[in-house]
Amino acid sequence: LFSGKKQEALNFLKRALLIDSSDFQSWANYGVTLQDMGVSNAARTSYEKAICLNAGVPLLYFNLGVCIASLESPVAAVMSYKRAAHLDPVDSLTQTNFGNSLKLANM
């Protein structure tokens, strides 16, 4: 992604998911790539698939929160950040985003 070869990365991840659609990390990386390309709705779906496969990874909820915040409003992102904060209560960026979402949502 950092080298600017986003489409190539996306194609590689598609092939990886065809081989093993139960790999949560591939779904997560697919979501990151899609979000980086500005395809936020598809990225959200990818993060949700990754969460269905492994619900114990705080970064998945964090990424979903960032994605939802870009699509909708902070209100919708609050629940994702809340779950990420519950799973990893010492992550300062998660706590910051959770707090900012609460503030923006007037909660």
PDB file of N, CA and C in Angstrom:
ATOM      1  N   LEU A   1       0.810  -1.198   0.000  1.00  0.00           N
ATOM      2  CA  LEU A   1       0.000   0.000   0.000  1.00  0.00           C
ATOM      3  C   LEU A   1       0.850   1.256   0.000  1.00  0.00           C
ATOM      4  N   PHE A   2       1.942   1.218   0.745  1.00  0.00           N
ATOM      5  CA  PHE A   2       2.763   2.406   0.861  1.00  0.00           C
ATOM      6  C   PHE A   2       3.502   2.717  -0.429  1.00  0.00           C
ATOM      7  N   SER A   3       3.713   1.702  -1.275  1.00  0.00           N
ATOM      8  CA  SER A   3       4.406   1.945  -2.533  1.00  0.00           C
ATOM      9  C   SER A   3       3.455   2.454  -3.605  1.00  0.00           C
ATOM     10  N   GLY A   4       2.181   2.603  -3.282  1.00  0.00           N
ATOM     11  CA  GLY A   4       1.224   3.121  -4.238  1.00  0.00           C
ATOM     12  C   GLY A   4       0.609   2.071  -5.135  1.00  0.00           C
ATOM     13  N   LYS A   5       0.848   0.825  -4.858  1.00  0.00           N
ATOM     14  CA  LYS A   5       0.323  -0.257  -5.689  1.00  0.00           C
ATOM     15  C   LYS A   5      -0.942  -0.836  -5.060  1.00  0.00           C
ATOM     16  N   LYS A   6      -1.903   0.019  -4.865  1.00  0.00           N
ATOM     17  CA  LYS A   6      -3.123  -0.380  -4.159  1.00  0.00           C
ATOM     18  C   LYS A   6      -3.925  -1.426  -4.929  1.00  0.00           C
ATOM     19  N   GLN A   7      -4.076  -1.229  -6.235  1.00  0.00           N
ATOM     20  CA  GLN A   7      -4.853  -2.184  -7.022  1.00  0.00           C
ATOM     21  C   GLN A   7      -4.178  -3.548  -7.035  1.00  0.00           C
ATOM     22  N   GLU A   8      -2.863  -3.547  -7.112  1.00  0.00           N
ATOM     23  CA  GLU A   8      -2.118  -4.811  -7.069  1.00  0.00           C
ATOM     24  C   GLU A   8      -2.326  -5.513  -5.725  1.00  0.00           C
ATOM     25  N   ALA A   9      -2.286  -4.755  -4.657  1.00  0.00           N
ATOM     26  CA  ALA A   9      -2.525  -5.325  -3.325  1.00  0.00           C
ATOM     27  C   ALA A   9      -3.944  -5.871  -3.222  1.00  0.00           C
ATOM     28  N   LEU A  10      -4.899  -5.129  -3.755  1.00  0.00           N
ATOM     29  CA  LEU A  10      -6.293  -5.566  -3.721  1.00  0.00           C
ATOM     30  C   LEU A  10      -6.466  -6.879  -4.486  1.00  0.00           C
ATOM     31  N   ASN A  11      -5.840  -6.979  -5.658  1.00  0.00           N
ATOM     32  CA  ASN A  11      -5.922  -8.210  -6.452  1.00  0.00           C
ATOM     33  C   ASN A  11      -5.297  -9.389  -5.715  1.00  0.00           C
ATOM     34  N   PHE A  12      -4.173  -9.160  -5.068  1.00  0.00           N
ATOM     35  CA  PHE A  12      -3.513 -10.211  -4.295  1.00  0.00           C
ATOM     36  C   PHE A  12      -4.419 -10.691  -3.157  1.00  0.00           C
ATOM     37  N   LEU A  13      -5.031  -9.754  -2.465  1.00  0.00           N
ATOM     38  CA  LEU A  13      -5.914 -10.109  -1.349  1.00  0.00           C
ATOM     39  C   LEU A  13      -7.162 -10.842  -1.833  1.00  0.00           C
ATOM     40  N   LYS A  14      -7.679 -10.460  -2.999  1.00  0.00           N
ATOM     41  CA  LYS A  14      -8.820 -11.192  -3.574  1.00  0.00           C
ATOM     42  C   LYS A  14      -8.447 -12.651  -3.814  1.00  0.00           C
ATOM     43  N   ARG A  15      -7.251 -12.870  -4.367  1.00  0.00           N
ATOM     44  CA  ARG A  15      -6.788 -14.249  -4.607  1.00  0.00           C
ATOM     45  C   ARG A  15      -6.628 -14.996  -3.290  1.00  0.00           C
ATOM     46  N   ALA A  16      -6.073 -14.326  -2.293  1.00  0.00           N
ATOM     47  CA  ALA A  16      -5.897 -14.964  -0.983  1.00  0.00           C
ATOM     48  C   ALA A  16      -7.247 -15.370  -0.395  1.00  0.00           C
ATOM     49  N   LEU A  17      -8.247 -14.532  -0.555  1.00  0.00           N
ATOM     50  CA  LEU A  17      -9.575 -14.834  -0.017  1.00  0.00           C
ATOM     51  C   LEU A  17     -10.269 -15.944  -0.799  1.00  0.00           C
ATOM     52  N   LEU A  18      -9.951 -16.069  -2.078  1.00  0.00           N
ATOM     53  CA  LEU A  18     -10.484 -17.196  -2.855  1.00  0.00           C
ATOM     54  C   LEU A  18      -9.903 -18.515  -2.359  1.00  0.00           C
ATOM     55  N   ILE A  19      -8.653 -18.467  -1.937  1.00  0.00           N
ATOM     56  CA  ILE A  19      -7.985 -19.664  -1.418  1.00  0.00           C
ATOM     57  C   ILE A  19      -8.498 -20.005  -0.025  1.00  0.00           C
ATOM     58  N   ASP A  20      -8.636 -18.988   0.827  1.00  0.00           N
ATOM     59  CA  ASP A  20      -9.076 -19.223   2.206  1.00  0.00           C
ATOM     60  C   ASP A  20      -9.958 -18.068   2.670  1.00  0.00           C
ATOM     61  N   SER A  21     -11.243 -18.218   2.485  1.00  0.00           N
ATOM     62  CA  SER A  21     -12.176 -17.148   2.857  1.00  0.00           C
ATOM     63  C   SER A  21     -12.417 -17.075   4.363  1.00  0.00           C
ATOM     64  N   SER A  22     -11.794 -17.975   5.114  1.00  0.00           N
ATOM     65  CA  SER A  22     -11.963 -17.950   6.570  1.00  0.00           C
ATOM     66  C   SER A  22     -10.796 -17.263   7.282  1.00  0.00           C
ATOM     67  N   ASP A  23      -9.920 -16.617   6.526  1.00  0.00           N
ATOM     68  CA  ASP A  23      -8.761 -15.935   7.109  1.00  0.00           C
ATOM     69  C   ASP A  23      -9.147 -14.500   7.478  1.00  0.00           C
ATOM     70  N   PHE A  24      -9.364 -14.265   8.764  1.00  0.00           N
ATOM     71  CA  PHE A  24      -9.821 -12.946   9.197  1.00  0.00           C
ATOM     72  C   PHE A  24      -8.818 -11.853   8.864  1.00  0.00           C
ATOM     73  N   GLN A  25      -7.529 -12.183   8.905  1.00  0.00           N
ATOM     74  CA  GLN A  25      -6.507 -11.173   8.628  1.00  0.00           C
ATOM     75  C   GLN A  25      -6.563 -10.710   7.172  1.00  0.00           C
ATOM     76  N   SER A  26      -6.839 -11.636   6.260  1.00  0.00           N
ATOM     77  CA  SER A  26      -6.983 -11.243   4.853  1.00  0.00           C
ATOM     78  C   SER A  26      -8.186 -10.323   4.666  1.00  0.00           C
ATOM     79  N   TRP A  27      -9.291 -10.630   5.350  1.00  0.00           N
ATOM     80  CA  TRP A  27     -10.458  -9.752   5.278  1.00  0.00           C
ATOM     81  C   TRP A  27     -10.134  -8.373   5.852  1.00  0.00           C
ATOM     82  N   ALA A  28      -9.391  -8.348   6.956  1.00  0.00           N
ATOM     83  CA  ALA A  28      -9.014  -7.074   7.568  1.00  0.00           C
ATOM     84  C   ALA A  28      -8.125  -6.263   6.625  1.00  0.00           C
ATOM     85  N   ASN A  29      -7.128  -6.917   6.040  1.00  0.00           N
ATOM     86  CA  ASN A  29      -6.238  -6.227   5.105  1.00  0.00           C
ATOM     87  C   ASN A  29      -6.979  -5.764   3.856  1.00  0.00           C
ATOM     88  N   TYR A  30      -7.925  -6.574   3.414  1.00  0.00           N
ATOM     89  CA  TYR A  30      -8.760  -6.199   2.271  1.00  0.00           C
ATOM     90  C   TYR A  30      -9.545  -4.925   2.608  1.00  0.00           C
ATOM     91  N   GLY A  31     -10.087  -4.874   3.820  1.00  0.00           N
ATOM     92  CA  GLY A  31     -10.811  -3.682   4.259  1.00  0.00           C
ATOM     93  C   GLY A  31      -9.928  -2.452   4.325  1.00  0.00           C
ATOM     94  N   VAL A  32      -8.729  -2.606   4.863  1.00  0.00           N
ATOM     95  CA  VAL A  32      -7.790  -1.478   4.944  1.00  0.00           C
ATOM     96  C   VAL A  32      -7.471  -0.966   3.545  1.00  0.00           C
ATOM     97  N   THR A  33      -7.225  -1.892   2.620  1.00  0.00           N
ATOM     98  CA  THR A  33      -6.890  -1.508   1.249  1.00  0.00           C
ATOM     99  C   THR A  33      -8.064  -0.787   0.590  1.00  0.00           C
ATOM    100  N   LEU A  34      -9.259  -1.339   0.738  1.00  0.00           N
ATOM    101  CA  LEU A  34     -10.444  -0.698   0.166  1.00  0.00           C
ATOM    102  C   LEU A  34     -10.664   0.690   0.758  1.00  0.00           C
ATOM    103  N   GLN A  35     -10.504   0.802   2.061  1.00  0.00           N
ATOM    104  CA  GLN A  35     -10.699   2.102   2.708  1.00  0.00           C
ATOM    105  C   GLN A  35      -9.658   3.099   2.220  1.00  0.00           C
ATOM    106  N   ASP A  36      -8.430   2.632   2.046  1.00  0.00           N
ATOM    107  CA  ASP A  36      -7.366   3.492   1.546  1.00  0.00           C
ATOM    108  C   ASP A  36      -7.660   3.959   0.116  1.00  0.00           C
ATOM    109  N   MET A  37      -8.407   3.144  -0.622  1.00  0.00           N
ATOM    110  CA  MET A  37      -8.777   3.487  -1.996  1.00  0.00           C
ATOM    111  C   MET A  37     -10.066   4.307  -2.051  1.00  0.00           C
ATOM    112  N   GLY A  38     -10.683   4.559  -0.889  1.00  0.00           N
ATOM    113  CA  GLY A  38     -11.889   5.363  -0.840  1.00  0.00           C
ATOM    114  C   GLY A  38     -13.181   4.594  -1.054  1.00  0.00           C
ATOM    115  N   VAL A  39     -13.115   3.273  -0.954  1.00  0.00           N
ATOM    116  CA  VAL A  39     -14.297   2.429  -1.146  1.00  0.00           C
ATOM    117  C   VAL A  39     -14.792   1.995   0.236  1.00  0.00           C
ATOM    118  N   SER A  40     -15.325   2.947   0.965  1.00  0.00           N
ATOM    119  CA  SER A  40     -15.629   2.733   2.380  1.00  0.00           C
ATOM    120  C   SER A  40     -16.755   1.744   2.638  1.00  0.00           C
ATOM    121  N   ASN A  41     -17.774   1.703   1.796  1.00  0.00           N
ATOM    122  CA  ASN A  41     -18.864   0.743   2.023  1.00  0.00           C
ATOM    123  C   ASN A  41     -18.361  -0.690   1.938  1.00  0.00           C
ATOM    124  N   ALA A  42     -17.546  -0.976   0.932  1.00  0.00           N
ATOM    125  CA  ALA A  42     -16.980  -2.321   0.790  1.00  0.00           C
ATOM    126  C   ALA A  42     -15.991  -2.605   1.917  1.00  0.00           C
ATOM    127  N   ALA A  43     -15.258  -1.587   2.351  1.00  0.00           N
ATOM    128  CA  ALA A  43     -14.324  -1.759   3.461  1.00  0.00           C
ATOM    129  C   ALA A  43     -15.085  -2.144   4.726  1.00  0.00           C
ATOM    130  N   ARG A  44     -16.202  -1.494   4.951  1.00  0.00           N
ATOM    131  CA  ARG A  44     -17.022  -1.809   6.130  1.00  0.00           C
ATOM    132  C   ARG A  44     -17.448  -3.278   6.114  1.00  0.00           C
ATOM    133  N   THR A  45     -17.886  -3.748   4.969  1.00  0.00           N
ATOM    134  CA  THR A  45     -18.290  -5.149   4.833  1.00  0.00           C
ATOM    135  C   THR A  45     -17.126  -6.082   5.130  1.00  0.00           C
ATOM    136  N   SER A  46     -15.944  -5.727   4.665  1.00  0.00           N
ATOM    137  CA  SER A  46     -14.759  -6.557   4.908  1.00  0.00           C
ATOM    138  C   SER A  46     -14.407  -6.612   6.387  1.00  0.00           C
ATOM    139  N   TYR A  47     -14.464  -5.465   7.055  1.00  0.00           N
ATOM    140  CA  TYR A  47     -14.193  -5.454   8.495  1.00  0.00           C
ATOM    141  C   TYR A  47     -15.227  -6.288   9.248  1.00  0.00           C
ATOM    142  N   GLU A  48     -16.483  -6.184   8.837  1.00  0.00           N
ATOM    143  CA  GLU A  48     -17.534  -6.960   9.500  1.00  0.00           C
ATOM    144  C   GLU A  48     -17.326  -8.460   9.301  1.00  0.00           C
ATOM    145  N   LYS A  49     -16.860  -8.859   8.112  1.00  0.00           N
ATOM    146  CA  LYS A  49     -16.560 -10.278   7.875  1.00  0.00           C
ATOM    147  C   LYS A  49     -15.401 -10.729   8.753  1.00  0.00           C
ATOM    148  N   ALA A  50     -14.377  -9.887   8.863  1.00  0.00           N
ATOM    149  CA  ALA A  50     -13.227 -10.220   9.709  1.00  0.00           C
ATOM    150  C   ALA A  50     -13.666 -10.386  11.158  1.00  0.00           C
ATOM    151  N   ILE A  51     -14.540  -9.509  11.627  1.00  0.00           N
ATOM    152  CA  ILE A  51     -15.039  -9.586  13.004  1.00  0.00           C
ATOM    153  C   ILE A  51     -15.849 -10.858  13.218  1.00  0.00           C
ATOM    154  N   CYS A  52     -16.634 -11.243  12.233  1.00  0.00           N
ATOM    155  CA  CYS A  52     -17.401 -12.496  12.350  1.00  0.00           C
ATOM    156  C   CYS A  52     -16.468 -13.695  12.498  1.00  0.00           C
ATOM    157  N   LEU A  53     -15.304 -13.618  11.884  1.00  0.00           N
ATOM    158  CA  LEU A  53     -14.348 -14.724  11.937  1.00  0.00           C
ATOM    159  C   LEU A  53     -13.490 -14.706  13.198  1.00  0.00           C
ATOM    160  N   ASN A  54     -13.259 -13.518  13.759  1.00  0.00           N
ATOM    161  CA  ASN A  54     -12.443 -13.408  14.969  1.00  0.00           C
ATOM    162  C   ASN A  54     -12.857 -12.146  15.725  1.00  0.00           C
ATOM    163  N   ALA A  55     -13.798 -12.299  16.607  1.00  0.00           N
ATOM    164  CA  ALA A  55     -14.381 -11.152  17.309  1.00  0.00           C
ATOM    165  C   ALA A  55     -13.524 -10.627  18.453  1.00  0.00           C
ATOM    166  N   GLY A  56     -12.376 -11.223  18.694  1.00  0.00           N
ATOM    167  CA  GLY A  56     -11.559 -10.815  19.825  1.00  0.00           C
ATOM    168  C   GLY A  56     -10.408  -9.887  19.492  1.00  0.00           C
ATOM    169  N   VAL A  57     -10.398  -9.315  18.299  1.00  0.00           N
ATOM    170  CA  VAL A  57      -9.283  -8.464  17.871  1.00  0.00           C
ATOM    171  C   VAL A  57      -9.710  -6.993  17.928  1.00  0.00           C
ATOM    172  N   PRO A  58      -9.170  -6.228  18.867  1.00  0.00           N
ATOM    173  CA  PRO A  58      -9.591  -4.838  19.031  1.00  0.00           C
ATOM    174  C   PRO A  58      -9.378  -3.979  17.786  1.00  0.00           C
ATOM    175  N   LEU A  59      -8.296  -4.236  17.046  1.00  0.00           N
ATOM    176  CA  LEU A  59      -7.995  -3.421  15.867  1.00  0.00           C
ATOM    177  C   LEU A  59      -9.095  -3.525  14.812  1.00  0.00           C
ATOM    178  N   LEU A  60      -9.763  -4.668  14.742  1.00  0.00           N
ATOM    179  CA  LEU A  60     -10.863  -4.813  13.781  1.00  0.00           C
ATOM    180  C   LEU A  60     -11.995  -3.846  14.107  1.00  0.00           C
ATOM    181  N   TYR A  61     -12.331  -3.737  15.383  1.00  0.00           N
ATOM    182  CA  TYR A  61     -13.391  -2.814  15.803  1.00  0.00           C
ATOM    183  C   TYR A  61     -12.953  -1.362  15.636  1.00  0.00           C
ATOM    184  N   PHE A  62     -11.674  -1.106  15.896  1.00  0.00           N
ATOM    185  CA  PHE A  62     -11.148   0.248  15.708  1.00  0.00           C
ATOM    186  C   PHE A  62     -11.267   0.649  14.239  1.00  0.00           C
ATOM    187  N   ASN A  63     -10.790  -0.230  13.334  1.00  0.00           N
ATOM    188  CA  ASN A  63     -10.856   0.073  11.905  1.00  0.00           C
ATOM    189  C   ASN A  63     -12.301   0.236  11.438  1.00  0.00           C
ATOM    190  N   LEU A  64     -13.185  -0.607  11.952  1.00  0.00           N
ATOM    191  CA  LEU A  64     -14.600  -0.484  11.609  1.00  0.00           C
ATOM    192  C   LEU A  64     -15.144   0.857  12.091  1.00  0.00           C
ATOM    193  N   GLY A  65     -14.750   1.271  13.277  1.00  0.00           N
ATOM    194  CA  GLY A  65     -15.186   2.571  13.796  1.00  0.00           C
ATOM    195  C   GLY A  65     -14.731   3.724  12.923  1.00  0.00           C
ATOM    196  N   VAL A  66     -13.478   3.689  12.499  1.00  0.00           N
ATOM    197  CA  VAL A  66     -12.955   4.733  11.606  1.00  0.00           C
ATOM    198  C   VAL A  66     -13.754   4.747  10.306  1.00  0.00           C
ATOM    199  N   CYS A  67     -14.002   3.567   9.779  1.00  0.00           N
ATOM    200  CA  CYS A  67     -14.743   3.444   8.526  1.00  0.00           C
ATOM    201  C   CYS A  67     -16.168   3.965   8.676  1.00  0.00           C
ATOM    202  N   ILE A  68     -16.853   3.554   9.719  1.00  0.00           N
ATOM    203  CA  ILE A  68     -18.236   3.989   9.947  1.00  0.00           C
ATOM    204  C   ILE A  68     -18.296   5.501  10.155  1.00  0.00           C
ATOM    205  N   ALA A  69     -17.337   6.039  10.881  1.00  0.00           N
ATOM    206  CA  ALA A  69     -17.314   7.486  11.108  1.00  0.00           C
ATOM    207  C   ALA A  69     -17.183   8.244   9.788  1.00  0.00           C
ATOM    208  N   SER A  70     -16.437   7.672   8.835  1.00  0.00           N
ATOM    209  CA  SER A  70     -16.279   8.337   7.542  1.00  0.00           C
ATOM    210  C   SER A  70     -17.531   8.201   6.676  1.00  0.00           C
ATOM    211  N   LEU A  71     -18.323   7.177   6.928  1.00  0.00           N
ATOM    212  CA  LEU A  71     -19.530   6.933   6.133  1.00  0.00           C
ATOM    213  C   LEU A  71     -20.767   7.628   6.685  1.00  0.00           C
ATOM    214  N   GLU A  72     -20.897   7.635   7.988  1.00  0.00           N
ATOM    215  CA  GLU A  72     -22.149   8.074   8.599  1.00  0.00           C
ATOM    216  C   GLU A  72     -21.894   9.212   9.569  1.00  0.00           C
ATOM    217  N   SER A  73     -21.932   8.886  10.834  1.00  0.00           N
ATOM    218  CA  SER A  73     -21.760   9.890  11.872  1.00  0.00           C
ATOM    219  C   SER A  73     -21.051   9.266  13.056  1.00  0.00           C
ATOM    220  N   PRO A  74     -20.563  10.092  13.959  1.00  0.00           N
ATOM    221  CA  PRO A  74     -19.911   9.559  15.154  1.00  0.00           C
ATOM    222  C   PRO A  74     -20.817   8.662  15.986  1.00  0.00           C
ATOM    223  N   VAL A  75     -22.119   8.886  15.923  1.00  0.00           N
ATOM    224  CA  VAL A  75     -23.052   8.069  16.704  1.00  0.00           C
ATOM    225  C   VAL A  75     -22.905   6.598  16.324  1.00  0.00           C
ATOM    226  N   ALA A  76     -22.830   6.331  15.034  1.00  0.00           N
ATOM    227  CA  ALA A  76     -22.726   4.951  14.570  1.00  0.00           C
ATOM    228  C   ALA A  76     -21.366   4.340  14.888  1.00  0.00           C
ATOM    229  N   ALA A  77     -20.345   5.166  14.985  1.00  0.00           N
ATOM    230  CA  ALA A  77     -18.996   4.667  15.262  1.00  0.00           C
ATOM    231  C   ALA A  77     -18.771   4.367  16.741  1.00  0.00           C
ATOM    232  N   VAL A  78     -19.569   4.967  17.605  1.00  0.00           N
ATOM    233  CA  VAL A  78     -19.380   4.827  19.051  1.00  0.00           C
ATOM    234  C   VAL A  78     -19.331   3.366  19.476  1.00  0.00           C
ATOM    235  N   MET A  79     -20.235   2.550  18.971  1.00  0.00           N
ATOM    236  CA  MET A  79     -20.297   1.149  19.404  1.00  0.00           C
ATOM    237  C   MET A  79     -19.043   0.374  19.009  1.00  0.00           C
ATOM    238  N   SER A  80     -18.501   0.648  17.830  1.00  0.00           N
ATOM    239  CA  SER A  80     -17.274  -0.037  17.422  1.00  0.00           C
ATOM    240  C   SER A  80     -16.100   0.373  18.299  1.00  0.00           C
ATOM    241  N   TYR A  81     -15.975   1.674  18.538  1.00  0.00           N
ATOM    242  CA  TYR A  81     -14.901   2.138  19.414  1.00  0.00           C
ATOM    243  C   TYR A  81     -15.078   1.615  20.837  1.00  0.00           C
ATOM    244  N   LYS A  82     -16.323   1.543  21.289  1.00  0.00           N
ATOM    245  CA  LYS A  82     -16.593   1.035  22.636  1.00  0.00           C
ATOM    246  C   LYS A  82     -16.123  -0.409  22.761  1.00  0.00           C
ATOM    247  N   ARG A  83     -16.404  -1.220  21.751  1.00  0.00           N
ATOM    248  CA  ARG A  83     -15.980  -2.626  21.777  1.00  0.00           C
ATOM    249  C   ARG A  83     -14.455  -2.719  21.726  1.00  0.00           C
ATOM    250  N   ALA A  84     -13.821  -1.921  20.878  1.00  0.00           N
ATOM    251  CA  ALA A  84     -12.358  -1.919  20.800  1.00  0.00           C
ATOM    252  C   ALA A  84     -11.755  -1.511  22.141  1.00  0.00           C
ATOM    253  N   ALA A  85     -12.334  -0.498  22.775  1.00  0.00           N
ATOM    254  CA  ALA A  85     -11.838  -0.027  24.072  1.00  0.00           C
ATOM    255  C   ALA A  85     -12.031  -1.081  25.155  1.00  0.00           C
ATOM    256  N   HIS A  86     -13.112  -1.827  25.068  1.00  0.00           N
ATOM    257  CA  HIS A  86     -13.352  -2.909  26.031  1.00  0.00           C
ATOM    258  C   HIS A  86     -12.297  -4.007  25.875  1.00  0.00           C
ATOM    259  N   LEU A  87     -11.964  -4.329  24.632  1.00  0.00           N
ATOM    260  CA  LEU A  87     -10.990  -5.391  24.372  1.00  0.00           C
ATOM    261  C   LEU A  87      -9.553  -4.962  24.670  1.00  0.00           C
ATOM    262  N   ASP A  88      -9.272  -3.672  24.490  1.00  0.00           N
ATOM    263  CA  ASP A  88      -7.921  -3.161  24.743  1.00  0.00           C
ATOM    264  C   ASP A  88      -8.026  -1.812  25.451  1.00  0.00           C
ATOM    265  N   PRO A  89      -8.259  -1.838  26.764  1.00  0.00           N
ATOM    266  CA  PRO A  89      -8.511  -0.599  27.494  1.00  0.00           C
ATOM    267  C   PRO A  89      -7.307   0.330  27.633  1.00  0.00           C
ATOM    268  N   VAL A  90      -6.118  -0.113  27.266  1.00  0.00           N
ATOM    269  CA  VAL A  90      -4.944   0.748  27.418  1.00  0.00           C
ATOM    270  C   VAL A  90      -4.506   1.401  26.108  1.00  0.00           C
ATOM    271  N   ASP A  91      -5.171   1.094  25.006  1.00  0.00           N
ATOM    272  CA  ASP A  91      -4.796   1.699  23.725  1.00  0.00           C
ATOM    273  C   ASP A  91      -5.283   3.147  23.685  1.00  0.00           C
ATOM    274  N   SER A  92      -4.344   4.069  23.655  1.00  0.00           N
ATOM    275  CA  SER A  92      -4.702   5.483  23.772  1.00  0.00           C
ATOM    276  C   SER A  92      -5.433   6.011  22.539  1.00  0.00           C
ATOM    277  N   LEU A  93      -5.088   5.536  21.357  1.00  0.00           N
ATOM    278  CA  LEU A  93      -5.767   6.017  20.153  1.00  0.00           C
ATOM    279  C   LEU A  93      -7.227   5.567  20.132  1.00  0.00           C
ATOM    280  N   THR A  94      -7.465   4.340  20.559  1.00  0.00           N
ATOM    281  CA  THR A  94      -8.845   3.854  20.655  1.00  0.00           C
ATOM    282  C   THR A  94      -9.628   4.690  21.659  1.00  0.00           C
ATOM    283  N   GLN A  95      -9.031   4.940  22.819  1.00  0.00           N
ATOM    284  CA  GLN A  95      -9.707   5.742  23.841  1.00  0.00           C
ATOM    285  C   GLN A  95      -9.999   7.151  23.329  1.00  0.00           C
ATOM    286  N   THR A  96      -9.042   7.719  22.597  1.00  0.00           N
ATOM    287  CA  THR A  96      -9.228   9.062  22.042  1.00  0.00           C
ATOM    288  C   THR A  96     -10.370   9.090  21.035  1.00  0.00           C
ATOM    289  N   ASN A  97     -10.368   8.135  20.095  1.00  0.00           N
ATOM    290  CA  ASN A  97     -11.436   8.096  19.098  1.00  0.00           C
ATOM    291  C   ASN A  97     -12.793   7.821  19.740  1.00  0.00           C
ATOM    292  N   PHE A  98     -12.804   6.949  20.736  1.00  0.00           N
ATOM    293  CA  PHE A  98     -14.045   6.658  21.457  1.00  0.00           C
ATOM    294  C   PHE A  98     -14.571   7.933  22.119  1.00  0.00           C
ATOM    295  N   GLY A  99     -13.697   8.626  22.817  1.00  0.00           N
ATOM    296  CA  GLY A  99     -14.089   9.872  23.479  1.00  0.00           C
ATOM    297  C   GLY A  99     -14.539  10.940  22.499  1.00  0.00           C
ATOM    298  N   ASN A 100     -13.810  11.093  21.401  1.00  0.00           N
ATOM    299  CA  ASN A 100     -14.190  12.084  20.393  1.00  0.00           C
ATOM    300  C   ASN A 100     -15.545  11.761  19.772  1.00  0.00           C
ATOM    301  N   SER A 101     -15.783  10.480  19.519  1.00  0.00           N
ATOM    302  CA  SER A 101     -17.078  10.077  18.954  1.00  0.00           C
ATOM    303  C   SER A 101     -18.212  10.367  19.930  1.00  0.00           C
ATOM    304  N   LEU A 102     -17.978  10.069  21.206  1.00  0.00           N
ATOM    305  CA  LEU A 102     -18.995  10.377  22.221  1.00  0.00           C
ATOM    306  C   LEU A 102     -19.291  11.874  22.265  1.00  0.00           C
ATOM    307  N   LYS A 103     -18.237  12.667  22.215  1.00  0.00           N
ATOM    308  CA  LYS A 103     -18.399  14.120  22.268  1.00  0.00           C
ATOM    309  C   LYS A 103     -19.145  14.631  21.034  1.00  0.00           C
ATOM    310  N   LEU A 104     -18.733  14.169  19.854  1.00  0.00           N
ATOM    311  CA  LEU A 104     -19.381  14.612  18.618  1.00  0.00           C
ATOM    312  C   LEU A 104     -20.832  14.148  18.523  1.00  0.00           C
ATOM    313  N   ALA A 105     -21.114  13.021  19.156  1.00  0.00           N
ATOM    314  CA  ALA A 105     -22.480  12.487  19.145  1.00  0.00           C
ATOM    315  C   ALA A 105     -23.327  13.057  20.281  1.00  0.00           C
ATOM    316  N   ASN A 106     -22.733  13.960  21.064  1.00  0.00           N
ATOM    317  CA  ASN A 106     -23.423  14.545  22.222  1.00  0.00           C
ATOM    318  C   ASN A 106     -23.922  13.480  23.183  1.00  0.00           C
ATOM    319  N   MET A 107     -23.088  12.506  23.451  1.00  0.00           N
ATOM    320  CA  MET A 107     -23.468  11.403  24.341  1.00  0.00           C
ATOM    321  C   MET A 107     -22.777  11.555  25.678  1.00  0.00           C
TER     322      MET A 107
END
